Amino acid sequence: MKKSFYMMKFPILNRIFPSYRWKVTAIIITGIIVGGGGLFMYQLRVHTYLGDDPAAV
């Protein structure tokens, strides 16, 4: 069986996520966590703390 470029470049990922299904599941779960964290930060209005305008808070 021929190994793909992806498999040769990232061998540690093949040990952590041995099958294609595991990789897809990990990407979906990571997206949910990152997206949920981004939404949480947006709803807390964290972006207003990046400027120094006192009226923004």
N, C-alpha and C. Protein backbone atom coordinates (compact mmCIF):
# COMPACT_ATOMS: atom_id res chain seq x y z
N MET A 1 0.84 -1.18 0.00
CA MET A 1 0.00 0.00 0.00
C MET A 1 0.89 1.25 0.00
N LYS A 2 0.52 2.20 -0.82
CA LYS A 2 1.29 3.44 -0.94
C LYS A 2 0.88 4.40 0.17
N LYS A 3 1.86 4.97 0.87
CA LYS A 3 1.57 5.96 1.91
C LYS A 3 1.44 7.33 1.28
N SER A 4 0.49 8.09 1.77
CA SER A 4 0.30 9.43 1.24
C SER A 4 1.30 10.38 1.86
N PHE A 5 1.41 11.55 1.27
CA PHE A 5 2.31 12.59 1.77
C PHE A 5 1.92 13.00 3.18
N TYR A 6 0.63 13.07 3.45
CA TYR A 6 0.13 13.46 4.78
C TYR A 6 0.61 12.47 5.83
N MET A 7 0.54 11.18 5.51
CA MET A 7 0.93 10.16 6.49
C MET A 7 2.43 10.19 6.76
N MET A 8 3.23 10.51 5.74
CA MET A 8 4.67 10.56 5.94
C MET A 8 5.09 11.82 6.68
N LYS A 9 4.37 12.93 6.48
CA LYS A 9 4.77 14.20 7.06
C LYS A 9 4.41 14.28 8.55
N PHE A 10 3.29 13.70 8.96
CA PHE A 10 2.83 13.79 10.34
C PHE A 10 2.63 12.39 10.94
N PRO A 11 3.70 11.67 11.22
CA PRO A 11 3.53 10.31 11.75
C PRO A 11 2.96 10.28 13.17
N ILE A 12 3.15 11.36 13.94
CA ILE A 12 2.62 11.38 15.31
C ILE A 12 1.09 11.41 15.29
N LEU A 13 0.50 12.05 14.28
CA LEU A 13 -0.96 12.09 14.18
C LEU A 13 -1.53 10.70 13.92
N ASN A 14 -0.79 9.88 13.21
CA ASN A 14 -1.27 8.52 12.95
C ASN A 14 -1.23 7.65 14.19
N ARG A 15 -0.38 8.00 15.14
CA ARG A 15 -0.37 7.25 16.40
C ARG A 15 -1.51 7.69 17.31
N ILE A 16 -1.81 9.01 17.29
CA ILE A 16 -2.87 9.52 18.15
C ILE A 16 -4.24 9.17 17.56
N PHE A 17 -4.40 9.40 16.25
CA PHE A 17 -5.66 9.14 15.56
C PHE A 17 -5.41 8.10 14.47
N PRO A 18 -5.58 6.83 14.80
CA PRO A 18 -5.18 5.78 13.86
C PRO A 18 -6.02 5.65 12.60
N SER A 19 -7.27 6.08 12.63
CA SER A 19 -8.09 5.90 11.44
C SER A 19 -8.65 7.24 10.96
N TYR A 20 -9.17 7.23 9.76
CA TYR A 20 -9.77 8.43 9.16
C TYR A 20 -10.95 8.89 10.00
N ARG A 21 -11.73 7.97 10.51
CA ARG A 21 -12.90 8.31 11.32
C ARG A 21 -12.51 9.04 12.59
N TRP A 22 -11.42 8.63 13.22
CA TRP A 22 -10.92 9.30 14.42
C TRP A 22 -10.48 10.72 14.10
N LYS A 23 -9.83 10.89 12.96
CA LYS A 23 -9.35 12.22 12.57
C LYS A 23 -10.52 13.16 12.33
N VAL A 24 -11.55 12.69 11.63
CA VAL A 24 -12.73 13.51 11.36
C VAL A 24 -13.44 13.86 12.67
N THR A 25 -13.57 12.89 13.56
CA THR A 25 -14.20 13.14 14.85
C THR A 25 -13.41 14.17 15.66
N ALA A 26 -12.09 14.06 15.65
CA ALA A 26 -11.25 15.01 16.39
C ALA A 26 -11.38 16.41 15.81
N ILE A 27 -11.46 16.54 14.50
CA ILE A 27 -11.61 17.85 13.88
C ILE A 27 -12.95 18.47 14.23
N ILE A 28 -14.00 17.67 14.23
CA ILE A 28 -15.34 18.17 14.57
C ILE A 28 -15.39 18.61 16.03
N ILE A 29 -14.86 17.81 16.93
CA ILE A 29 -14.87 18.17 18.36
C ILE A 29 -14.03 19.41 18.61
N THR A 30 -12.87 19.51 17.96
CA THR A 30 -12.02 20.70 18.10
C THR A 30 -12.74 21.94 17.59
N GLY A 31 -13.45 21.81 16.47
CA GLY A 31 -14.21 22.94 15.93
C GLY A 31 -15.31 23.38 16.87
N ILE A 32 -15.99 22.44 17.50
CA ILE A 32 -17.05 22.78 18.45
C ILE A 32 -16.47 23.52 19.66
N ILE A 33 -15.34 23.05 20.16
CA ILE A 33 -14.71 23.68 21.32
C ILE A 33 -14.21 25.09 20.98
N VAL A 34 -13.51 25.22 19.87
CA VAL A 34 -12.97 26.53 19.47
C VAL A 34 -14.11 27.49 19.13
N GLY A 35 -15.10 27.02 18.41
CA GLY A 35 -16.24 27.87 18.06
C GLY A 35 -17.03 28.29 19.29
N GLY A 36 -17.24 27.37 20.21
CA GLY A 36 -17.93 27.70 21.45
C GLY A 36 -17.15 28.71 22.28
N GLY A 37 -15.85 28.55 22.32
CA GLY A 37 -15.00 29.52 23.04
C GLY A 37 -15.04 30.89 22.39
N GLY A 38 -15.03 30.92 21.06
CA GLY A 38 -15.12 32.19 20.36
C GLY A 38 -16.45 32.88 20.59
N LEU A 39 -17.53 32.12 20.56
CA LEU A 39 -18.86 32.68 20.83
C LEU A 39 -18.95 33.19 22.27
N PHE A 40 -18.39 32.44 23.20
CA PHE A 40 -18.37 32.85 24.60
C PHE A 40 -17.62 34.17 24.77
N MET A 41 -16.46 34.29 24.13
CA MET A 41 -15.68 35.53 24.20
C MET A 41 -16.42 36.69 23.57
N TYR A 42 -17.10 36.44 22.47
CA TYR A 42 -17.86 37.50 21.80
C TYR A 42 -19.02 37.98 22.68
N GLN A 43 -19.72 37.05 23.30
CA GLN A 43 -20.84 37.44 24.15
C GLN A 43 -20.40 38.14 25.43
N LEU A 44 -19.18 37.88 25.87
CA LEU A 44 -18.64 38.60 27.02
C LEU A 44 -18.08 39.97 26.63
N ARG A 45 -18.13 40.27 25.35
CA ARG A 45 -17.63 41.53 24.80
C ARG A 45 -16.14 41.72 25.11
N VAL A 46 -15.37 40.67 24.95
CA VAL A 46 -13.93 40.72 25.19
C VAL A 46 -13.26 41.67 24.20
N HIS A 47 -13.83 41.80 23.01
CA HIS A 47 -13.23 42.66 22.00
C HIS A 47 -13.23 44.13 22.42
N THR A 48 -14.08 44.54 23.36
CA THR A 48 -14.07 45.93 23.82
C THR A 48 -12.86 46.22 24.70
N TYR A 49 -12.25 45.21 25.29
CA TYR A 49 -11.09 45.42 26.13
C TYR A 49 -9.81 45.60 25.34
N LEU A 50 -9.85 45.40 24.04
CA LEU A 50 -8.65 45.54 23.23
C LEU A 50 -8.33 47.00 22.92
N GLY A 51 -9.32 47.87 22.99
CA GLY A 51 -9.08 49.30 22.76
C GLY A 51 -8.99 50.05 24.07
N ASP A 52 -8.67 51.35 23.99
CA ASP A 52 -8.59 52.15 25.21
C ASP A 52 -9.65 53.25 25.22
N ASP A 53 -10.77 53.01 24.58
CA ASP A 53 -11.90 53.93 24.58
C ASP A 53 -12.78 53.64 25.79
N PRO A 54 -12.87 54.56 26.75
CA PRO A 54 -13.65 54.28 27.96
C PRO A 54 -15.16 54.18 27.70
N ALA A 55 -15.65 54.76 26.62
CA ALA A 55 -17.07 54.72 26.33
C ALA A 55 -17.50 53.37 25.77
N ALA A 56 -16.56 52.52 25.37
CA ALA A 56 -16.90 51.24 24.76
C ALA A 56 -17.36 50.23 25.78
N VAL A 57 -17.03 50.41 27.02
CA VAL A 57 -17.39 49.42 28.05
C VAL A 57 -18.72 49.65 28.59
